[in-house]
């Protein structure tokens, strides 16, 4: 059967396209909302108007991502009823309820207070505005919690049983707190925050490289550095914990992540495949670059394994992931970016301690600024790669060990799915370039350092900000 006549493959492709594209926007909103809480809190605490203008500037990028995120998320919800109706019917009592929580608890909370956060500066007291910003951040990240709870449940179903093909909930809270939930949520929470911080740092570095408002954007870069000093190493550690739970609960996925075809017994040592070319036809790696006796160190921080690592050959081909190469390299890309972030954070902190992060010195380090600009989009690649490992590595199961993906798909004419796939791809392409256009316009325009303080600032005792001269050429200022 060809790809274009396989309705299951087409439905999977459509969901992958919508999920990968939609995920680009909530990544930034969930993390940037916390950044907005930080800078507004610093404004209220220090009475420095510079922090207020940071809140106003970065909120523009926040609301742009929020709007596109809403528009691109709607098709995902419809697909559960259209392309995956058998799945929805089988698990809707739990899965549908949790997604409903995400809409009513999280999205509505975020949307309800977003207007106050954006337009309420002169309409509500400062404390009320700050509360609205906090509630927007809570709503954005509560959305992450419910989505990860639902997705973790399909990884490790709990809290009930399947009776005649339908999941019957016995303990709703146990289903929510399934074995994958806590570490998965923390991993995604830190991923969105880390990505947002490096995006903000990358944009700040671009302004510094252009010598535009250097004092303003050196401040935002330093705020980012203080935050990633904790977040970047912590994300690597939480990522390891997430890999550990795969080791214990999803041995087929682990075998694909490591391109491990042969079983390694407990108590043994094994080489770790740093690079490899997996070949499903021969059930082996055509070539590999190995680190001797390092697999135990990677999995358990010790040479000898306390548990066996089952090889892919332990399962029939139809019972294990088919795209081993994609899973293998997606995992390594995610991990590599995580360590790159730690290294960049370390070098930047070192330069700060050496007194190199001053306005008169930062422009003399273009290599450092370019590194931050390069790091800006890297977090997106890491998050998308992690979700590829998470979802493609779960195959051939939609609900791990319970419902196969082929059984969960609606029986639809391939032509209809191709039509909707083409339409969604075209629509998302327009969304993507439209977002880039408006984001570029926001960044090129830059912050408005002359924006007046809100009326509530008079009660805070805030002092006017001494405006920096625009360092752009005269023709660029016109």
Protein backbone atom coordinates (compact mmCIF):
# COMPACT_ATOMS: atom_id res chain seq x y z
CA UNK A 1 0.00 0.00 0.00
CA UNK A 2 1.41 3.40 -0.99
CA UNK A 3 1.54 6.34 1.38
CA UNK A 4 -1.10 8.30 -0.58
CA UNK A 5 -3.62 5.46 -0.32
CA UNK A 6 -2.98 4.68 3.37
CA UNK A 7 -5.55 6.60 5.41
CA UNK A 8 -3.82 5.77 8.72
CA UNK A 9 -0.47 7.11 7.51
CA UNK A 10 -2.14 10.21 6.13
CA UNK A 11 -4.01 10.86 9.38
CA UNK A 12 -0.79 10.42 11.33
CA UNK A 13 0.98 12.85 9.00
CA UNK A 14 -1.77 15.41 9.35
CA UNK A 15 -1.70 15.22 13.12
CA UNK A 16 2.10 15.47 13.09
CA UNK A 17 1.98 18.58 10.88
CA UNK A 18 -0.59 20.31 13.07
CA UNK A 19 1.12 19.32 16.32
CA UNK A 20 4.62 20.34 15.22
CA UNK A 21 3.45 23.68 13.89
CA UNK A 22 1.06 24.50 16.73
CA UNK A 23 3.71 23.74 19.33
CA UNK A 24 5.95 26.54 18.07
CA UNK A 25 3.74 29.22 19.59
CA UNK A 26 2.72 27.99 23.08
CA UNK A 27 6.40 27.22 23.73
CA UNK A 28 7.13 30.93 23.78
CA UNK A 29 3.94 32.13 25.47
CA UNK A 30 4.23 29.77 28.44
CA UNK A 31 7.83 30.72 29.16
CA UNK A 32 7.63 34.41 28.25
CA UNK A 33 4.63 34.83 30.57
CA UNK A 34 6.93 33.99 33.49
CA UNK A 35 9.52 36.46 32.18
CA UNK A 36 6.82 39.16 32.11
CA UNK A 37 5.97 38.33 35.73
CA UNK A 38 9.66 38.77 36.61
CA UNK A 39 10.17 42.15 34.91
CA UNK A 40 6.90 43.61 36.15
CA UNK A 41 7.73 42.41 39.65
CA UNK A 42 11.14 44.09 39.39
CA UNK A 43 9.43 47.30 38.32
CA UNK A 44 7.11 47.25 41.33
CA UNK A 45 9.99 46.44 43.65
CA UNK A 46 12.69 48.79 42.33
CA UNK A 47 10.45 51.54 40.88
CA UNK A 48 12.78 51.58 37.88
CA UNK A 49 10.74 52.49 34.75
CA UNK A 50 13.19 50.50 32.64
CA UNK A 51 11.54 47.28 33.84
CA UNK A 52 8.10 48.68 33.01
CA UNK A 53 9.20 49.32 29.44
CA UNK A 54 10.61 45.81 29.23
CA UNK A 55 7.18 44.49 30.18
CA UNK A 56 5.52 46.60 27.49
CA UNK A 57 7.99 45.60 24.78
CA UNK A 58 8.12 41.85 25.36
CA UNK A 59 4.34 41.67 25.81
CA UNK A 60 4.01 42.52 22.10
CA UNK A 61 5.79 39.30 21.13
CA UNK A 62 3.79 37.43 23.74
CA UNK A 63 0.39 38.42 22.36
CA UNK A 64 1.51 37.71 18.78
CA UNK A 65 2.41 34.15 19.73
CA UNK A 66 -0.76 33.77 21.79
CA UNK A 67 -2.99 34.68 18.86
CA UNK A 68 -1.28 32.35 16.41
CA UNK A 69 -1.27 29.59 19.02
CA UNK A 70 -5.05 29.81 19.40
CA UNK A 71 -5.63 29.77 15.64
CA UNK A 72 -3.33 26.78 15.04
CA UNK A 73 -4.60 24.78 18.01
CA UNK A 74 -8.21 24.54 16.89
CA UNK A 75 -7.60 21.99 14.07
CA UNK A 76 -5.88 19.68 16.54
CA UNK A 77 -8.99 19.42 18.67
CA UNK A 78 -11.23 18.69 15.68
CA UNK A 79 -8.95 15.86 14.54
CA UNK A 80 -9.77 13.76 17.58
CA UNK A 81 -13.37 13.57 16.45
CA UNK A 82 -12.69 13.39 12.71
CA UNK A 83 -9.50 11.42 12.10
CA UNK A 84 -9.32 9.55 15.41
CA UNK A 85 -12.96 8.84 16.31
CA UNK A 86 -12.38 5.23 17.52
CA UNK A 87 -9.70 6.50 19.90
CA UNK A 88 -11.95 9.28 21.17
CA UNK A 89 -14.81 6.86 21.72
CA UNK A 90 -12.60 4.40 23.60
CA UNK A 91 -10.87 6.83 25.97
CA UNK A 92 -13.03 9.96 25.83
CA UNK A 93 -14.31 9.61 29.40
CA UNK A 94 -10.83 10.46 30.65
CA UNK A 95 -8.88 11.92 27.74
CA UNK A 96 -11.68 14.22 26.59
CA UNK A 97 -12.34 15.40 30.14
CA UNK A 98 -8.70 16.35 30.67
CA UNK A 99 -8.57 18.27 27.40
CA UNK A 100 -11.77 19.98 28.53
CA UNK A 101 -9.99 21.00 31.74
CA UNK A 102 -7.22 22.50 29.61
CA UNK A 103 -9.75 24.66 27.76
CA UNK A 104 -11.95 25.72 30.68
CA UNK A 105 -9.37 26.00 33.46
CA UNK A 106 -6.17 27.01 31.69
CA UNK A 107 -6.97 28.69 28.38
CA UNK A 108 -9.95 30.61 29.74
CA UNK A 109 -7.93 31.81 32.73
CA UNK A 110 -5.16 33.03 30.45
CA UNK A 111 -7.55 34.63 27.97
CA UNK A 112 -9.69 36.27 30.66
CA UNK A 113 -6.83 38.27 32.18
CA UNK A 114 -4.83 38.84 29.00
CA UNK A 115 -6.80 41.99 28.19
CA UNK A 116 -6.04 43.49 31.60
CA UNK A 117 -2.36 42.61 31.22
CA UNK A 118 -2.14 44.27 27.80
CA UNK A 119 -4.50 47.24 28.12
CA UNK A 120 -5.07 47.73 31.82
CA UNK A 121 -1.97 49.75 32.69
CA UNK A 122 -3.92 53.00 33.08
CA UNK A 123 -7.22 51.39 34.06
CA UNK A 124 -6.46 49.29 37.12
CA UNK A 125 -4.16 49.70 40.13
CA UNK A 126 -0.59 48.44 39.80
CA UNK A 127 -1.19 45.52 42.16
CA UNK A 128 -4.28 44.45 40.22
CA UNK A 129 -2.36 44.60 36.95
CA UNK A 130 0.45 42.51 38.40
CA UNK A 131 -2.10 39.96 39.63
CA UNK A 132 -3.50 39.77 36.08
CA UNK A 133 -0.01 39.12 34.69
CA UNK A 134 0.54 36.36 37.25
CA UNK A 135 -2.80 34.77 36.40
CA UNK A 136 -1.97 34.86 32.68
CA UNK A 137 1.28 33.03 33.45
CA UNK A 138 -0.52 30.51 35.64
CA UNK A 139 -3.10 29.88 32.93
CA UNK A 140 -0.44 29.39 30.25
CA UNK A 141 1.49 26.88 32.32
CA UNK A 142 -1.64 25.18 33.65
CA UNK A 143 -2.39 24.43 30.02
CA UNK A 144 0.96 22.65 29.81
CA UNK A 145 0.06 20.62 32.89
CA UNK A 146 -3.24 19.32 31.50
CA UNK A 147 -1.85 18.56 28.06
CA UNK A 148 1.11 16.69 29.53
CA UNK A 149 -1.20 14.82 31.88
CA UNK A 150 -3.29 13.63 28.92
CA UNK A 151 -0.29 12.75 26.80
CA UNK A 152 1.45 11.02 29.70
CA UNK A 153 -1.65 8.90 30.23
CA UNK A 154 -1.42 7.48 26.69
CA UNK A 155 2.22 6.67 27.50
CA UNK A 156 1.44 4.94 30.81
CA UNK A 157 -2.34 4.43 31.16
CA UNK A 158 -3.48 4.21 34.77
CA UNK A 159 -6.50 4.79 36.98
CA UNK A 160 -8.87 2.33 35.36
CA UNK A 161 -9.21 -0.55 32.92
CA UNK A 162 -10.30 -1.32 29.39
CA UNK A 163 -13.61 -3.18 29.28
CA UNK A 164 -14.87 -4.26 25.88
CA UNK A 165 -12.49 -1.83 24.22
CA UNK A 166 -13.54 1.19 26.29
CA UNK A 167 -11.53 2.73 29.13
CA UNK A 168 -13.52 2.80 32.37
CA UNK A 169 -12.16 5.25 34.96
CA UNK A 170 -11.89 3.87 38.50
CA UNK A 171 -9.66 6.55 40.03
CA UNK A 172 -9.59 9.85 38.15
CA UNK A 173 -6.75 11.28 40.21
CA UNK A 174 -4.62 8.19 39.68
CA UNK A 175 -5.22 8.52 35.95
CA UNK A 176 -4.09 12.15 36.05
CA UNK A 177 -1.06 11.32 38.19
CA UNK A 178 0.00 8.43 35.96
CA UNK A 179 3.65 7.25 36.19
CA UNK A 180 4.85 9.55 33.39
CA UNK A 181 3.02 12.71 34.44
CA UNK A 182 5.21 14.49 37.00
CA UNK A 183 8.57 14.18 35.27
CA UNK A 184 7.06 14.79 31.85
CA UNK A 185 5.36 17.99 33.00
CA UNK A 186 8.52 19.26 34.68
CA UNK A 187 10.57 18.46 31.58
CA UNK A 188 8.17 20.39 29.35
CA UNK A 189 7.79 23.25 31.84
CA UNK A 190 11.53 23.82 31.97
CA UNK A 191 11.79 23.32 28.20
CA UNK A 192 9.32 26.12 27.45
CA UNK A 193 10.90 28.42 30.02
CA UNK A 194 14.43 27.70 28.79
CA UNK A 195 13.45 28.18 25.15
CA UNK A 196 11.74 31.48 25.93
CA UNK A 197 14.74 32.72 27.89
CA UNK A 198 17.14 31.95 25.06
CA UNK A 199 14.80 33.60 22.54
CA UNK A 200 14.72 36.74 24.69
CA UNK A 201 18.48 36.50 25.13
CA UNK A 202 19.01 36.03 21.40
CA UNK A 203 16.86 39.05 20.51
CA UNK A 204 18.65 41.11 23.16
CA UNK A 205 22.00 40.03 21.71
CA UNK A 206 20.86 41.16 18.25
CA UNK A 207 20.13 44.64 19.57
CA UNK A 208 23.48 44.72 21.36
CA UNK A 209 25.26 43.65 18.19
CA UNK A 210 23.50 46.48 16.33
CA UNK A 211 24.31 48.88 19.20
CA UNK A 212 20.64 49.76 19.58
CA UNK A 213 19.52 50.65 23.10
CA UNK A 214 22.48 48.73 24.60
CA UNK A 215 21.70 49.58 28.23
CA UNK A 216 18.11 48.47 27.83
CA UNK A 217 18.89 45.11 26.23
CA UNK A 218 21.97 44.40 28.32
CA UNK A 219 19.57 44.49 31.26
CA UNK A 220 17.26 41.89 29.68
CA UNK A 221 20.23 39.70 28.75
CA UNK A 222 21.43 39.76 32.36
CA UNK A 223 17.95 38.87 33.64
CA UNK A 224 17.97 35.91 31.25
CA UNK A 225 21.44 34.87 32.42
CA UNK A 226 20.41 34.86 36.07
CA UNK A 227 17.41 32.68 35.21
CA UNK A 228 19.22 30.18 32.97
CA UNK A 229 21.94 29.79 35.58
CA UNK A 230 19.34 27.67 37.39
CA UNK A 231 17.11 26.52 34.55
CA UNK A 232 19.67 25.16 32.05
CA UNK A 233 21.40 22.65 34.39
CA UNK A 234 18.09 21.73 36.02
CA UNK A 235 16.56 20.95 32.63
CA UNK A 236 19.42 18.56 31.83
CA UNK A 237 18.83 16.77 35.13
CA UNK A 238 15.05 16.56 34.67
CA UNK A 239 15.64 15.34 31.12
CA UNK A 240 17.71 12.49 32.52
CA UNK A 241 14.89 11.61 34.91
CA UNK A 242 12.50 11.52 31.96
CA UNK A 243 14.82 9.15 30.12
CA UNK A 244 14.94 6.97 33.23
CA UNK A 245 11.18 6.55 33.21
CA UNK A 246 11.36 5.45 29.56
CA UNK A 247 13.97 2.90 30.68
CA UNK A 248 11.55 1.47 33.23
CA UNK A 249 8.17 1.77 31.46
CA UNK A 250 8.78 1.77 27.69
CA UNK A 251 11.65 -0.57 26.81
CA UNK A 252 10.87 -0.53 23.08
CA UNK A 253 11.24 3.23 22.97
CA UNK A 254 14.50 3.08 24.90
CA UNK A 255 15.88 0.50 22.50
CA UNK A 256 15.02 2.78 19.58
CA UNK A 257 16.50 5.84 21.31
CA UNK A 258 19.79 3.98 21.69
CA UNK A 259 19.61 1.97 18.43
CA UNK A 260 20.07 -1.12 20.59
CA UNK A 261 19.15 -4.30 18.70
CA UNK A 262 20.57 -6.91 21.08
CA UNK A 263 19.53 -7.40 24.71
CA UNK A 264 22.05 -6.51 27.41
CA UNK A 265 21.54 -8.51 30.62
CA UNK A 266 21.52 -6.99 34.09
CA UNK A 267 24.97 -6.76 35.66
CA UNK A 268 26.73 -6.36 32.33
CA UNK A 269 28.49 -3.39 30.79
CA UNK A 270 27.79 -2.19 27.27
CA UNK A 271 29.05 0.35 24.77
CA UNK A 272 26.95 3.42 24.06
CA UNK A 273 26.11 4.37 20.49
CA UNK A 274 27.07 8.00 20.11
CA UNK A 275 26.29 7.89 16.37
CA UNK A 276 24.86 5.09 14.27
CA UNK A 277 23.00 4.24 11.09
CA UNK A 278 20.15 1.90 12.08
CA UNK A 279 18.88 -0.49 9.40
CA UNK A 280 15.47 -2.05 10.01
CA UNK A 281 15.90 -4.54 7.17
CA UNK A 282 18.96 -6.22 8.69
CA UNK A 283 18.00 -5.44 12.32
CA UNK A 284 21.41 -3.94 12.95
CA UNK A 285 23.39 -0.74 12.67
CA UNK A 286 25.27 -0.41 9.38
CA UNK A 287 27.91 1.56 11.24
CA UNK A 288 28.24 3.14 14.65
CA UNK A 289 30.55 5.29 16.72
CA UNK A 290 30.64 3.83 20.21
CA UNK A 291 31.88 5.00 23.59
CA UNK A 292 33.13 1.87 25.40
CA UNK A 293 31.17 0.74 28.46
CA UNK A 294 29.25 4.01 28.64
CA UNK A 295 25.62 2.84 28.33
CA UNK A 296 25.34 2.12 32.05
CA UNK A 297 26.83 5.52 32.84
CA UNK A 298 24.30 7.23 30.59
CA UNK A 299 21.32 5.36 32.04
CA UNK A 300 22.28 4.86 35.68
CA UNK A 301 25.54 6.77 36.34
CA UNK A 302 27.36 3.50 36.88
CA UNK A 303 29.14 1.08 34.49
CA UNK A 304 27.10 -2.05 35.22
CA UNK A 305 23.39 -2.10 34.52
CA UNK A 306 21.09 -2.98 37.40
CA UNK A 307 18.30 -3.88 34.97
CA UNK A 308 18.45 -5.47 31.52
CA UNK A 309 18.25 -3.26 28.45
CA UNK A 310 16.03 -5.14 26.04
CA UNK A 311 17.05 -5.01 22.39
CA UNK A 312 14.66 -4.32 19.54
CA UNK A 313 14.92 -7.94 18.42
CA UNK A 314 12.97 -8.97 21.52
CA UNK A 315 9.79 -7.82 19.73
CA UNK A 316 8.34 -8.68 16.39
CA UNK A 317 8.76 -5.89 13.80
CA UNK A 318 5.06 -4.97 14.04
CA UNK A 319 5.36 -4.51 17.82
CA UNK A 320 8.25 -2.04 17.90
CA UNK A 321 8.92 1.48 16.53
CA UNK A 322 9.62 1.50 12.82
CA UNK A 323 11.47 4.84 12.51
CA UNK A 324 14.49 3.94 14.63
CA UNK A 325 16.83 6.36 12.89
CA UNK A 326 14.46 9.30 13.40
CA UNK A 327 14.02 8.49 17.09
CA UNK A 328 17.76 7.90 17.59
CA UNK A 329 18.89 11.23 16.12
CA UNK A 330 15.97 13.28 17.46
CA UNK A 331 16.99 12.21 20.94
CA UNK A 332 20.62 13.17 20.36
CA UNK A 333 19.68 16.52 18.87
CA UNK A 334 17.57 17.33 21.92
CA UNK A 335 20.32 16.30 24.35
CA UNK A 336 23.02 18.09 22.36
CA UNK A 337 21.10 21.36 22.40
CA UNK A 338 20.53 21.02 26.13
CA UNK A 339 24.26 20.74 26.79
CA UNK A 340 24.98 23.57 24.34
CA UNK A 341 22.69 25.80 26.39
CA UNK A 342 24.55 24.86 29.58
CA UNK A 343 27.89 25.64 27.92
CA UNK A 344 26.70 29.00 26.57
CA UNK A 345 25.30 29.89 29.96
CA UNK A 346 28.61 28.96 31.60
CA UNK A 347 30.73 31.05 29.20
CA UNK A 348 28.38 34.02 29.54
CA UNK A 349 28.44 33.91 33.34
CA UNK A 350 32.24 33.68 33.22
CA UNK A 351 32.41 36.78 31.02
CA UNK A 352 30.07 38.55 33.42
CA UNK A 353 32.30 37.69 36.38
CA UNK A 354 35.30 38.96 34.39
CA UNK A 355 33.55 42.29 33.91
CA UNK A 356 33.01 41.78 30.18
CA UNK A 357 29.24 42.29 30.23
CA UNK A 358 29.39 46.07 30.36
CA UNK A 359 27.88 48.40 27.82
CA UNK A 360 31.33 49.55 26.71
CA UNK A 361 32.68 45.98 26.47
CA UNK A 362 29.86 43.76 25.22
CA UNK A 363 30.11 45.00 21.61
CA UNK A 364 33.74 43.86 21.55
CA UNK A 365 32.57 40.23 21.91
CA UNK A 366 30.61 39.59 18.69
CA UNK A 367 31.29 35.86 18.97
CA UNK A 368 29.36 35.75 22.24
CA UNK A 369 26.46 37.78 20.87
CA UNK A 370 26.28 35.66 17.72
CA UNK A 371 26.23 32.54 19.93
CA UNK A 372 23.15 33.89 21.71
CA UNK A 373 21.49 34.80 18.41
CA UNK A 374 22.23 31.29 17.13
CA UNK A 375 20.80 29.81 20.36
CA UNK A 376 17.50 31.66 19.91
CA UNK A 377 15.80 29.10 17.62
CA UNK A 378 17.66 26.08 19.01
CA UNK A 379 15.21 25.56 21.85
CA UNK A 380 12.39 25.05 19.36
CA UNK A 381 14.40 22.28 17.67
CA UNK A 382 15.03 20.64 21.03
CA UNK A 383 11.34 20.70 22.04
CA UNK A 384 10.14 19.41 18.66
CA UNK A 385 12.78 16.67 18.72
CA UNK A 386 11.72 15.65 22.20
CA UNK A 387 8.11 15.31 21.10
CA UNK A 388 9.18 13.24 18.10
CA UNK A 389 10.97 10.86 20.47
CA UNK A 390 7.96 10.83 22.79
CA UNK A 391 5.27 10.15 20.20
CA UNK A 392 7.04 8.33 17.36
CA UNK A 393 8.85 6.19 19.92
CA UNK A 394 5.48 5.12 21.36
CA UNK A 395 4.47 3.48 18.09
CA UNK A 396 2.86 1.19 17.07
CA UNK A 397 0.67 2.06 20.06
CA UNK A 398 -1.51 5.13 20.48
CA UNK A 399 -2.29 4.07 24.05
CA UNK A 400 0.85 2.18 25.01
CA UNK A 401 0.21 -1.54 25.23
CA UNK A 402 -3.56 -1.11 24.85
CA UNK A 403 -4.70 0.49 21.59
CA UNK A 404 -2.74 0.30 18.36
CA UNK A 405 -2.56 3.41 16.22
CA UNK A 406 -4.04 1.55 13.26
CA UNK A 407 -7.07 0.59 15.38
CA UNK A 408 -7.58 4.15 16.64
CA UNK A 409 -7.84 5.88 13.26
CA UNK A 410 -11.14 6.68 11.54
CA UNK A 411 -11.87 4.90 8.28
CA UNK A 412 -11.79 7.84 5.86
CA UNK A 413 -11.20 8.09 2.11
CA UNK A 414 -7.51 8.93 1.54
CA UNK A 415 -8.47 11.68 -0.87
CA UNK A 416 -10.40 13.56 1.81
CA UNK A 417 -7.47 13.38 4.22
CA UNK A 418 -5.09 14.57 1.49
CA UNK A 419 -7.37 17.52 0.84
CA UNK A 420 -7.50 18.56 4.50
CA UNK A 421 -3.75 17.92 4.91
CA UNK A 422 -2.99 20.16 1.94
CA UNK A 423 -5.36 22.86 3.18
CA UNK A 424 -3.91 22.85 6.69
CA UNK A 425 -0.35 22.89 5.36
CA UNK A 426 -1.14 25.89 3.14
CA UNK A 427 -2.92 27.70 5.99
CA UNK A 428 -0.07 27.05 8.42
CA UNK A 429 2.48 28.25 5.87
CA UNK A 430 0.60 31.54 5.61
CA UNK A 431 0.42 31.75 9.42
CA UNK A 432 4.14 31.08 9.72
CA UNK A 433 5.30 33.78 7.34
CA UNK A 434 2.71 36.24 8.64
CA UNK A 435 4.01 35.71 12.17
CA UNK A 436 7.60 36.18 11.03
CA UNK A 437 6.56 39.41 9.28
CA UNK A 438 4.92 40.91 12.36
CA UNK A 439 7.64 39.62 14.72
CA UNK A 440 10.29 41.20 12.51
CA UNK A 441 8.37 44.48 12.49
CA UNK A 442 8.14 44.48 16.29
CA UNK A 443 11.85 43.76 16.64
CA UNK A 444 12.98 46.26 14.00
CA UNK A 445 10.80 48.96 15.53
CA UNK A 446 12.23 48.21 18.96
CA UNK A 447 11.03 49.36 22.38
CA UNK A 448 9.36 52.69 22.92
CA UNK A 449 11.47 54.26 25.65
CA UNK A 450 9.27 57.34 25.62
CA UNK A 451 6.09 55.48 26.53
CA UNK A 452 4.62 57.28 29.56
CA UNK A 453 4.34 55.51 32.85
CA UNK A 454 0.86 54.41 33.91
CA UNK A 455 -1.03 56.63 36.31
CA UNK A 456 -0.59 54.07 39.06
CA UNK A 457 3.16 54.71 38.88
CA UNK A 458 2.68 57.98 40.72
CA UNK A 459 1.78 55.94 43.79
CA UNK A 460 4.92 53.86 43.33
CA UNK A 461 7.25 56.84 43.37
CA UNK A 462 8.78 55.83 40.04
CA UNK A 463 11.35 58.17 38.54
CA UNK A 464 11.43 59.03 34.84
CA UNK A 465 13.85 57.01 32.78
CA UNK A 466 16.69 58.95 31.17
CA UNK A 467 16.14 58.18 27.50
CA UNK A 468 19.06 56.77 25.57
CA UNK A 469 19.86 58.37 22.24
CA UNK A 470 18.99 56.15 19.28
CA UNK A 471 22.33 54.82 18.05
CA UNK A 472 21.00 53.86 14.63
CA UNK A 473 22.10 55.80 11.55
CA UNK A 474 20.02 58.87 10.77
CA UNK A 475 18.34 57.27 7.77
CA UNK A 476 17.24 54.30 9.90
CA UNK A 477 15.64 56.63 12.45
CA UNK A 478 13.44 58.30 9.85
